[in-house]
Structures are given as C-alpha cells and as structure tokens.
Amino acid sequence: MRTLYLIITMAGLFNTFNANAQSVADDWKFVGNAQGAASPYDLYYYKLIQLNGASHRYASIIEVSVQADANYYNMQGTYQIRVDKYEGTTDRFDGIEIKCTSGNPGAGYFYIFNNAVWVRSNFKWGYIYYRTAVNFTSNSPLNTAPFNQTFTAPTGYATVTGSGSIKCDFDNNKYYPLPYTDVNGGINVSRDEPIGFALYDKLTYDSKPQPNYGFQWTMDSWSTAGASYWLAAYGGIKMFTKATPRLAITVDGNVGIGTTAPQAKLAVNGDVFAKKIKVTQTGWPDYVFSPDYKMRTLPELERYIKENQHLPEIPTAAAIQKDGHDLGEMNKKLLQKVEELTLYLIELKKENNEMKQRLEKLEKSK
C-alpha cells in the first residue's frame, strides 16, 4: 500500500508540474514595427514585460528578436530574458537577466524597471518579435498587445542596456553588466567586471575587490586619465612567446626577464640597453674633503697595492666574478678614489710649487 501511495503521489506531483509549467517554446509572435509608418519614422518603444499580479510567482524565460533592416547583417539581434519573482514580493520582480544569444548585441535597447522591461530597436526598417521559451510556473510576466506602444522613451527606469547583457538583482538593488560578444566577434567586458577563475577568491586593493586569479579594467587612484588594467595570480605570473617563458613575476614580487627564478626585484638574463639609469644612494663620499678625513700616504698606498693587488675599499676581481657588484655602491667607491686622487694631485702640486720656488732662489743666489 505504501508503494502504491508513493506512486500515486509522485504522479500527482508530476501532473501538477506539467499544469504549472510550459516546457515547449512558443512560435515567434509579432510585437510591432521598429519605427513609425510616417516621416520622420521615429522608433517605437514597447513594454514587453510587466508585473501582472502582486501575488504571481515568475520563473520565465522569454526571447526577443529585433529584426531591423535586412540589408545589413549588423542590425539584427536575438536576446533571452529571464524573469524571477517570489509570490511574497508584491510590488517588484526579484531579478532579471538579459543576454544576447545571437546577432548584434547593440541591435536592441532595453529599459529595465524593477517591475517592467521596455524594448526598442536601435535601427529602423524592421520589426520586433517575441516568444515564450518557458514558464516554469503558471504565471507569465508578458504584457499584451499593443505592449504600450509609444514614441516616447520611458522614464524612471532602474537601469538600461544597449549591449544586451545585464543581471539585475532587485532584492539587493545591484546591477551587473555581463561580458558579451560584439557584432564582430570581440569579447567585451564592462569596467570593474572581472574575468577569471574562482572570482569569489578576492583581494582588496585601492578599496576595490580584485580576483586573485583574474583581470579587470578599473579606475585606479594613481591616475585619472583612464581605466587601469589589473591582473592577479596568487602564486605568480608568467608570460610566454614561442612556447618559452619570457617574463616571470614570482609570488614574492621578484621580476625576471629571461629567467623564471629571479632572486632580486629585477633580474635580467641578457643585455640591457638604456639611455639613462638612475641609482639612488646615501652616504655619498663628499666626506673625503672633510678636514678630519685621513688618507693613506702615497708610500702606504703603494705598499697596500703591492700586498693586495687592488685598491683599498675596492672589491677584488674574484669577489666581483663570484657575487657581481652593486652599481650604486661601486660608483660611490670609485668617486671616493677619484676624490682621494684629486687630493693627492693637489698635495703634489703644492710640493712641486715649493720645489720650484726653492730652485728659483738657488738660481738667483749664484
């Protein structure tokens, strides 16, 4: 008996679902002309979708086709509109999603209210059609002909889209432009709408969310000239040409060009050509000219060179070959030696002048 009861109950539920849900798409139906019949042939606006009952529950998919001038392939577009509403939400829908499924996303223009959707062709010399793809409940949000046909643009709408790609969350008053393919096949993403993997995995930078594995175009506080391109990957980034990694950014922020294992903030495995390189340093060796600076005498310097085969404070050839050298630090050391050499020359010049004066006195005394 229990088995028989279960079968009867399931059959009843199945029949109830069939009674409340339309699962086969309708044929295309005529909405109206894209433009008026007389000059100046203004474009028509149609309220295709509306809240028909406060207690209605909607789970509907409706298709719209804008078929403007057939002489031009880019004046046509087909769209899918999903409408959802809980019966307890009496004065509005819960959400609407519009997506261009073929043709030119810009062929139609949609004015979206929280309880209605108006549509207009963006081009003349054609027609607008619709069909119900499915109503998963017994109610439909479709308006009836002539669909409030008017030449006057609706006002007071929540948002609009001319790309046929938007998600509207009326429960939270949020609107999300969706990626779409334009008439020429290009993929378009609205500003601040990321593309990536696991978009819920986010970081916060500049008071804005950025997916750890994705990219987006957004206004950055560092520039008001235009949007910046943000790209993030938690573990690092590699860029390839000819199947070979050319540029790498490690998890620690080291950048490598020609190497995938940079051990510094910038590591280049190859030649670097530059018109100007600026190295900032502290402790510049002006201290050499201080009266308190003690230099080796020339005999002491000669003795040091003979014993060590290099200048004092200058690294040896072996050390440079092993560890390289710091350009800024080496410039400091070289300048220190130039300044010391200058002082040696000044001192030698003084001694030379003294000897010259003594010789002149000797010549005069003869």
Protein backbone atom coordinates (compact mmCIF):
# COMPACT_ATOMS: atom_id res chain seq x y z
CA MET A 1 0.00 0.00 0.00
CA ARG A 2 2.81 2.41 0.82
CA THR A 3 4.41 1.77 -2.57
CA LEU A 4 1.11 2.36 -4.37
CA TYR A 5 0.55 5.57 -2.37
CA LEU A 6 4.02 6.83 -3.30
CA ILE A 7 3.43 6.15 -6.99
CA ILE A 8 0.08 7.94 -6.93
CA THR A 9 1.60 10.90 -5.04
CA MET A 10 4.52 11.22 -7.48
CA ALA A 11 2.15 11.01 -10.43
CA GLY A 12 0.06 13.80 -8.93
CA LEU A 13 3.09 15.99 -8.41
CA PHE A 14 4.22 15.34 -11.99
CA ASN A 15 0.82 16.30 -13.35
CA THR A 16 0.78 19.42 -11.18
CA PHE A 17 4.21 20.42 -12.51
CA ASN A 18 3.02 19.92 -16.10
CA ALA A 19 -0.05 22.01 -15.41
CA ASN A 20 2.03 24.85 -13.99
CA ALA A 21 4.98 24.76 -16.38
CA GLN A 22 5.22 25.38 -20.09
CA SER A 23 8.21 23.37 -21.32
CA VAL A 24 7.91 23.84 -25.11
CA ALA A 25 8.81 27.16 -26.68
CA ASP A 26 6.04 29.10 -28.46
CA ASP A 27 6.25 30.17 -32.08
CA TRP A 28 7.55 33.65 -32.69
CA LYS A 29 4.90 36.35 -32.27
CA PHE A 30 4.80 39.86 -33.69
CA VAL A 31 5.35 42.76 -31.27
CA GLY A 32 5.34 45.63 -33.76
CA ASN A 33 7.26 47.71 -36.26
CA ALA A 34 10.64 49.07 -35.28
CA GLN A 35 9.61 52.55 -36.47
CA GLY A 36 6.53 54.56 -37.27
CA ALA A 37 4.89 54.44 -40.67
CA ALA A 38 5.18 58.14 -41.44
CA SER A 39 8.07 60.61 -41.57
CA PRO A 40 10.21 61.16 -39.53
CA TYR A 41 9.81 57.40 -38.84
CA ASP A 42 10.55 57.63 -35.14
CA LEU A 43 11.46 54.45 -33.30
CA TYR A 44 8.79 52.72 -31.21
CA TYR A 45 9.11 51.73 -27.54
CA TYR A 46 7.31 48.61 -26.31
CA LYS A 47 6.66 47.47 -22.75
CA LEU A 48 7.05 43.76 -23.34
CA ILE A 49 7.28 42.53 -19.73
CA GLN A 50 5.45 43.74 -16.65
CA LEU A 51 4.28 42.69 -13.20
CA ASN A 52 0.82 41.32 -13.96
CA GLY A 53 -0.16 40.24 -10.45
CA ALA A 54 1.12 41.11 -6.99
CA SER A 55 0.85 37.51 -5.81
CA HIS A 56 2.21 35.95 -9.00
CA ARG A 57 5.28 33.76 -8.96
CA TYR A 58 7.51 34.09 -12.05
CA ALA A 59 10.21 31.79 -13.32
CA SER A 60 10.11 32.62 -17.01
CA ILE A 61 12.43 32.71 -19.99
CA ILE A 62 11.30 34.96 -22.84
CA GLU A 63 13.10 35.55 -26.13
CA VAL A 64 13.08 38.80 -28.10
CA SER A 65 14.29 39.25 -31.66
CA VAL A 66 14.98 42.66 -33.15
CA GLN A 67 14.91 42.30 -36.93
CA ALA A 68 15.71 45.69 -38.42
CA ASP A 69 16.83 46.43 -42.00
CA ALA A 70 17.63 43.05 -43.54
CA ASN A 71 20.03 44.69 -45.99
CA TYR A 72 22.55 44.97 -43.14
CA TYR A 73 23.66 41.95 -41.10
CA ASN A 74 24.57 44.06 -38.06
CA MET A 75 21.04 45.39 -37.46
CA GLN A 76 19.66 42.14 -36.08
CA GLY A 77 19.86 40.71 -32.58
CA THR A 78 18.20 37.99 -30.53
CA TYR A 79 18.00 38.15 -26.74
CA GLN A 80 16.97 35.90 -23.88
CA ILE A 81 15.30 37.46 -20.86
CA ARG A 82 14.94 35.57 -17.60
CA VAL A 83 12.43 36.91 -15.06
CA ASP A 84 12.16 35.60 -11.49
CA LYS A 85 9.74 36.62 -8.75
CA TYR A 86 8.63 35.15 -5.44
CA GLU A 87 4.90 35.48 -4.73
CA GLY A 88 5.67 37.24 -1.45
CA THR A 89 7.39 40.08 -3.32
CA THR A 90 4.25 42.01 -4.20
CA ASP A 91 5.49 45.15 -5.93
CA ARG A 92 8.51 44.07 -7.97
CA PHE A 93 10.46 41.25 -9.54
CA ASP A 94 13.30 39.65 -7.60
CA GLY A 95 15.64 39.56 -10.58
CA ILE A 96 16.02 39.96 -14.34
CA GLU A 97 18.80 38.78 -16.61
CA ILE A 98 19.14 39.81 -20.27
CA LYS A 99 21.63 38.12 -22.57
CA CYS A 100 22.20 38.48 -26.31
CA THR A 101 22.21 34.98 -27.78
CA SER A 102 22.97 35.84 -31.43
CA GLY A 103 23.49 38.73 -33.79
CA ASN A 104 24.41 42.24 -32.76
CA PRO A 105 24.06 42.91 -29.00
CA GLY A 106 23.54 46.57 -29.88
CA ALA A 107 20.56 45.94 -32.16
CA GLY A 108 18.12 46.43 -29.29
CA TYR A 109 17.91 48.77 -26.33
CA PHE A 110 16.30 47.71 -23.05
CA TYR A 111 14.84 49.96 -20.34
CA ILE A 112 14.66 47.95 -17.14
CA PHE A 113 12.39 48.73 -14.22
CA ASN A 114 12.04 46.54 -11.15
CA ASN A 115 8.55 45.63 -12.40
CA ALA A 116 8.79 46.01 -16.21
CA VAL A 117 11.05 45.82 -19.26
CA TRP A 118 10.71 48.06 -22.30
CA VAL A 119 12.44 47.34 -25.61
CA ARG A 120 13.33 49.45 -28.62
CA SER A 121 15.18 48.70 -31.83
CA ASN A 122 18.29 50.75 -32.40
CA PHE A 123 17.70 50.63 -36.17
CA LYS A 124 14.79 51.38 -38.50
CA TRP A 125 13.06 49.46 -41.28
CA GLY A 126 12.27 46.29 -39.43
CA TYR A 127 10.21 44.53 -36.79
CA ILE A 128 10.35 43.19 -33.24
CA TYR A 129 9.20 39.67 -32.28
CA TYR A 130 8.96 37.63 -29.10
CA ARG A 131 8.24 34.12 -27.91
CA THR A 132 7.98 32.38 -24.57
CA ALA A 133 10.77 29.87 -24.19
CA VAL A 134 9.31 28.52 -20.94
CA ASN A 135 7.21 29.46 -17.94
CA PHE A 136 8.21 27.26 -15.03
CA THR A 137 5.12 28.46 -13.15
CA SER A 138 1.53 29.00 -14.21
CA ASN A 139 2.04 32.78 -14.44
CA SER A 140 3.70 34.83 -17.17
CA PRO A 141 5.19 38.34 -16.95
CA LEU A 142 4.37 39.09 -20.60
CA ASN A 143 2.38 42.19 -21.39
CA THR A 144 -0.32 42.05 -24.06
CA ALA A 145 -0.50 43.72 -27.47
CA PRO A 146 -0.08 46.54 -28.33
CA PHE A 147 2.50 46.48 -25.46
CA ASN A 148 2.03 50.16 -24.53
CA GLN A 149 3.41 51.10 -27.94
CA THR A 150 4.71 54.68 -27.89
CA PHE A 151 7.23 57.04 -29.48
CA THR A 152 8.10 58.44 -26.04
CA ALA A 153 11.06 56.96 -24.18
CA PRO A 154 10.17 55.60 -20.75
CA THR A 155 11.43 57.43 -17.69
CA GLY A 156 12.18 56.45 -14.11
CA TYR A 157 13.85 53.16 -15.06
CA ALA A 158 16.33 51.44 -12.77
CA THR A 159 18.94 50.82 -15.48
CA VAL A 160 19.37 50.43 -19.24
CA THR A 161 21.48 48.27 -21.52
CA GLY A 162 22.43 48.62 -25.15
CA SER A 163 24.70 45.58 -25.08
CA GLY A 164 22.01 43.02 -24.33
CA SER A 165 23.90 41.71 -21.36
CA ILE A 166 23.00 42.54 -17.77
CA LYS A 167 21.98 40.90 -14.50
CA CYS A 168 19.67 42.82 -12.17
CA ASP A 169 19.32 41.87 -8.51
CA PHE A 170 16.30 43.84 -7.28
CA ASP A 171 16.44 42.19 -3.85
CA ASN A 172 19.72 43.99 -3.17
CA ASN A 173 19.46 46.82 -5.73
CA LYS A 174 22.58 45.70 -7.58
CA TYR A 175 23.23 45.59 -11.32
CA TYR A 176 25.96 43.59 -13.01
CA PRO A 177 26.94 44.17 -16.66
CA LEU A 178 27.85 40.79 -18.13
CA PRO A 179 30.59 40.01 -20.70
CA TYR A 180 29.29 39.84 -24.26
CA THR A 181 30.49 39.19 -27.80
CA ASP A 182 30.06 42.16 -30.12
CA VAL A 183 28.86 42.03 -33.72
CA ASN A 184 32.41 41.45 -34.99
CA GLY A 185 33.22 38.68 -32.51
CA GLY A 186 35.15 40.75 -29.98
CA ILE A 187 34.66 39.93 -26.30
CA ASN A 188 33.62 42.95 -24.27
CA VAL A 189 33.82 43.33 -20.51
CA SER A 190 32.47 46.32 -18.66
CA ARG A 191 34.72 48.28 -16.34
CA ASP A 192 35.04 46.80 -12.83
CA GLU A 193 33.65 43.46 -14.04
CA PRO A 194 36.42 40.84 -13.74
CA ILE A 195 37.20 37.82 -15.88
CA GLY A 196 38.98 34.89 -14.32
CA PHE A 197 38.85 31.69 -12.33
CA ALA A 198 37.26 31.39 -8.87
CA LEU A 199 36.10 35.01 -8.89
CA TYR A 200 34.88 34.64 -5.30
CA ASP A 201 38.55 34.35 -4.21
CA LYS A 202 39.37 38.05 -3.94
CA LEU A 203 41.86 40.53 -2.58
CA THR A 204 41.10 44.16 -1.75
CA TYR A 205 43.30 46.86 -3.23
CA ASP A 206 42.63 50.57 -3.54
CA SER A 207 39.32 49.86 -1.74
CA LYS A 208 38.22 47.65 -4.66
CA PRO A 209 37.86 43.88 -4.99
CA GLN A 210 40.22 42.10 -7.38
CA PRO A 211 40.09 38.34 -8.00
CA ASN A 212 43.27 36.52 -7.03
CA TYR A 213 43.00 34.68 -10.35
CA GLY A 214 41.67 37.15 -12.89
CA PHE A 215 41.83 40.56 -14.50
CA GLN A 216 39.66 43.65 -14.83
CA TRP A 217 39.64 47.21 -16.11
CA THR A 218 39.05 49.71 -13.32
CA MET A 219 39.71 53.29 -12.27
CA ASP A 220 42.84 53.35 -10.14
CA SER A 221 43.69 56.11 -7.65
CA TRP A 222 47.15 56.50 -9.24
CA SER A 223 45.66 58.02 -12.42
CA THR A 224 42.54 59.88 -13.50
CA ALA A 225 43.48 59.71 -17.19
CA GLY A 226 41.60 56.46 -17.75
CA ALA A 227 41.00 52.93 -16.54
CA SER A 228 43.88 50.72 -15.43
CA TYR A 229 44.37 47.05 -16.23
CA TRP A 230 44.66 44.85 -13.14
CA LEU A 231 45.94 41.28 -13.42
CA ALA A 232 46.44 39.00 -10.44
CA ALA A 233 47.57 35.44 -9.80
CA TYR A 234 48.29 34.41 -6.23
CA GLY A 235 51.29 32.17 -6.91
CA GLY A 236 52.95 34.22 -9.67
CA ILE A 237 52.65 35.21 -13.33
CA LYS A 238 54.47 34.02 -16.46
CA MET A 239 54.29 35.43 -19.98
CA PHE A 240 55.28 33.30 -23.00
CA THR A 241 56.36 33.68 -26.63
CA LYS A 242 57.27 30.74 -28.88
CA ALA A 243 56.26 28.38 -26.06
CA THR A 244 59.03 29.82 -23.88
CA PRO A 245 58.54 31.86 -20.67
CA ARG A 246 59.94 35.35 -21.27
CA LEU A 247 58.80 37.29 -18.22
CA ALA A 248 58.08 35.97 -14.75
CA ILE A 249 56.78 37.54 -11.56
CA THR A 250 57.26 35.34 -8.51
CA VAL A 251 54.99 35.04 -5.52
CA ASP A 252 57.37 37.38 -3.64
CA GLY A 253 57.18 40.07 -6.33
CA ASN A 254 60.57 39.46 -7.95
CA VAL A 255 60.55 40.14 -11.70
CA GLY A 256 62.60 38.06 -14.10
CA ILE A 257 63.25 38.75 -17.78
CA GLY A 258 64.81 35.76 -19.48
CA THR A 259 64.74 33.86 -16.21
CA THR A 260 61.95 32.17 -14.30
CA ALA A 261 63.80 32.18 -10.96
CA PRO A 262 64.67 35.84 -10.25
CA GLN A 263 66.49 36.33 -6.96
CA ALA A 264 66.05 40.11 -6.90
CA LYS A 265 63.33 42.67 -7.51
CA LEU A 266 64.53 42.73 -11.15
CA ALA A 267 66.70 40.05 -12.73
CA VAL A 268 67.62 40.20 -16.42
CA ASN A 269 69.30 37.28 -18.16
CA GLY A 270 70.62 39.15 -21.19
CA ASP A 271 71.69 42.57 -22.41
CA VAL A 272 70.10 45.78 -21.14
CA PHE A 273 70.09 48.89 -23.33
CA ALA A 274 69.15 52.19 -21.74
CA LYS A 275 69.61 55.89 -22.36
CA LYS A 276 69.59 56.69 -18.68
CA ILE A 277 69.86 54.73 -15.43
CA LYS A 278 69.27 56.46 -12.12
CA VAL A 279 70.53 54.85 -8.91
CA THR A 280 69.66 56.45 -5.59
CA GLN A 281 72.29 56.16 -2.84
CA THR A 282 73.02 57.51 0.63
CA GLY A 283 76.43 58.24 2.13
CA TRP A 284 77.86 59.89 -0.98
CA PRO A 285 81.63 60.28 -0.42
CA ASP A 286 81.89 64.05 -0.02
CA TYR A 287 83.37 63.16 3.37
CA VAL A 288 86.72 62.74 1.58
CA PHE A 289 87.03 66.54 1.52
CA SER A 290 86.42 66.88 5.25
CA PRO A 291 89.44 68.17 7.18
CA ASP A 292 89.07 65.17 9.50
CA TYR A 293 89.35 62.60 6.70
CA LYS A 294 92.55 60.58 6.97
CA MET A 295 94.11 59.26 3.79
CA ARG A 296 96.99 56.87 3.38
CA THR A 297 100.26 58.44 2.41
CA LEU A 298 101.46 57.56 -1.09
CA PRO A 299 104.10 55.15 0.30
CA GLU A 300 101.38 53.48 2.39
CA LEU A 301 99.13 53.23 -0.68
CA GLU A 302 101.96 51.76 -2.73
CA ARG A 303 102.66 49.17 -0.06
CA TYR A 304 98.94 48.20 0.14
CA ILE A 305 98.70 47.75 -3.64
CA LYS A 306 101.80 45.55 -3.72
CA GLU A 307 100.44 43.36 -0.95
CA ASN A 308 96.79 43.10 -2.12
CA GLN A 309 96.86 43.72 -5.88
CA HIS A 310 93.87 46.09 -5.72
CA LEU A 311 92.93 49.49 -4.36
CA PRO A 312 91.74 49.83 -0.75
CA GLU A 313 87.91 49.51 -0.31
CA ILE A 314 87.58 48.18 -3.89
CA PRO A 315 86.45 44.52 -4.17
CA THR A 316 88.80 42.03 -5.75
CA ALA A 317 88.34 40.52 -9.21
CA ALA A 318 87.50 37.18 -7.61
CA ALA A 319 84.78 38.74 -5.45
CA ILE A 320 83.22 40.50 -8.47
CA GLN A 321 83.31 37.31 -10.52
CA LYS A 322 81.55 35.44 -7.71
CA ASP A 323 78.96 37.95 -6.49
CA GLY A 324 78.84 40.72 -9.10
CA HIS A 325 78.76 44.27 -7.87
CA ASP A 326 76.30 46.94 -6.83
CA LEU A 327 76.37 49.75 -9.40
CA GLY A 328 75.46 52.41 -6.88
CA GLU A 329 77.95 51.16 -4.26
CA MET A 330 80.71 50.81 -6.86
CA ASN A 331 80.11 54.35 -8.11
CA LYS A 332 80.48 55.56 -4.54
CA LYS A 333 83.80 53.71 -4.14
CA LEU A 334 85.12 54.91 -7.48
CA LEU A 335 84.16 58.51 -6.67
CA GLN A 336 85.88 58.13 -3.31
CA LYS A 337 89.09 57.09 -5.13
CA VAL A 338 88.75 59.95 -7.63
CA GLU A 339 88.37 62.43 -4.77
CA GLU A 340 91.35 60.93 -2.96
CA LEU A 341 93.36 61.10 -6.19
CA THR A 342 92.36 64.75 -6.53
CA LEU A 343 93.69 65.47 -3.04
CA TYR A 344 96.93 63.61 -3.86
CA LEU A 345 97.34 65.75 -7.00
CA ILE A 346 96.67 68.95 -5.07
CA GLU A 347 99.25 67.95 -2.49
CA LEU A 348 101.78 67.03 -5.19
CA LYS A 349 101.11 70.34 -6.93
CA LYS A 350 101.88 72.18 -3.70
CA GLU A 351 105.10 70.22 -3.23
CA ASN A 352 106.02 70.89 -6.85
CA ASN A 353 105.49 74.64 -6.41
CA GLU A 354 107.61 74.67 -3.26
CA MET A 355 110.46 72.89 -5.05
CA LYS A 356 110.15 75.30 -7.96
CA GLN A 357 110.40 78.31 -5.65
CA ARG A 358 113.50 76.82 -3.96
CA LEU A 359 115.18 76.27 -7.30
CA GLU A 360 114.45 79.85 -8.33
CA LYS A 361 116.06 81.13 -5.11
CA LEU A 362 119.12 78.98 -5.72
CA GLU A 363 119.45 80.30 -9.26
CA LYS A 364 119.24 83.89 -8.05
CA SER A 365 121.83 83.34 -5.31
CA LYS A 366 124.54 82.20 -7.77
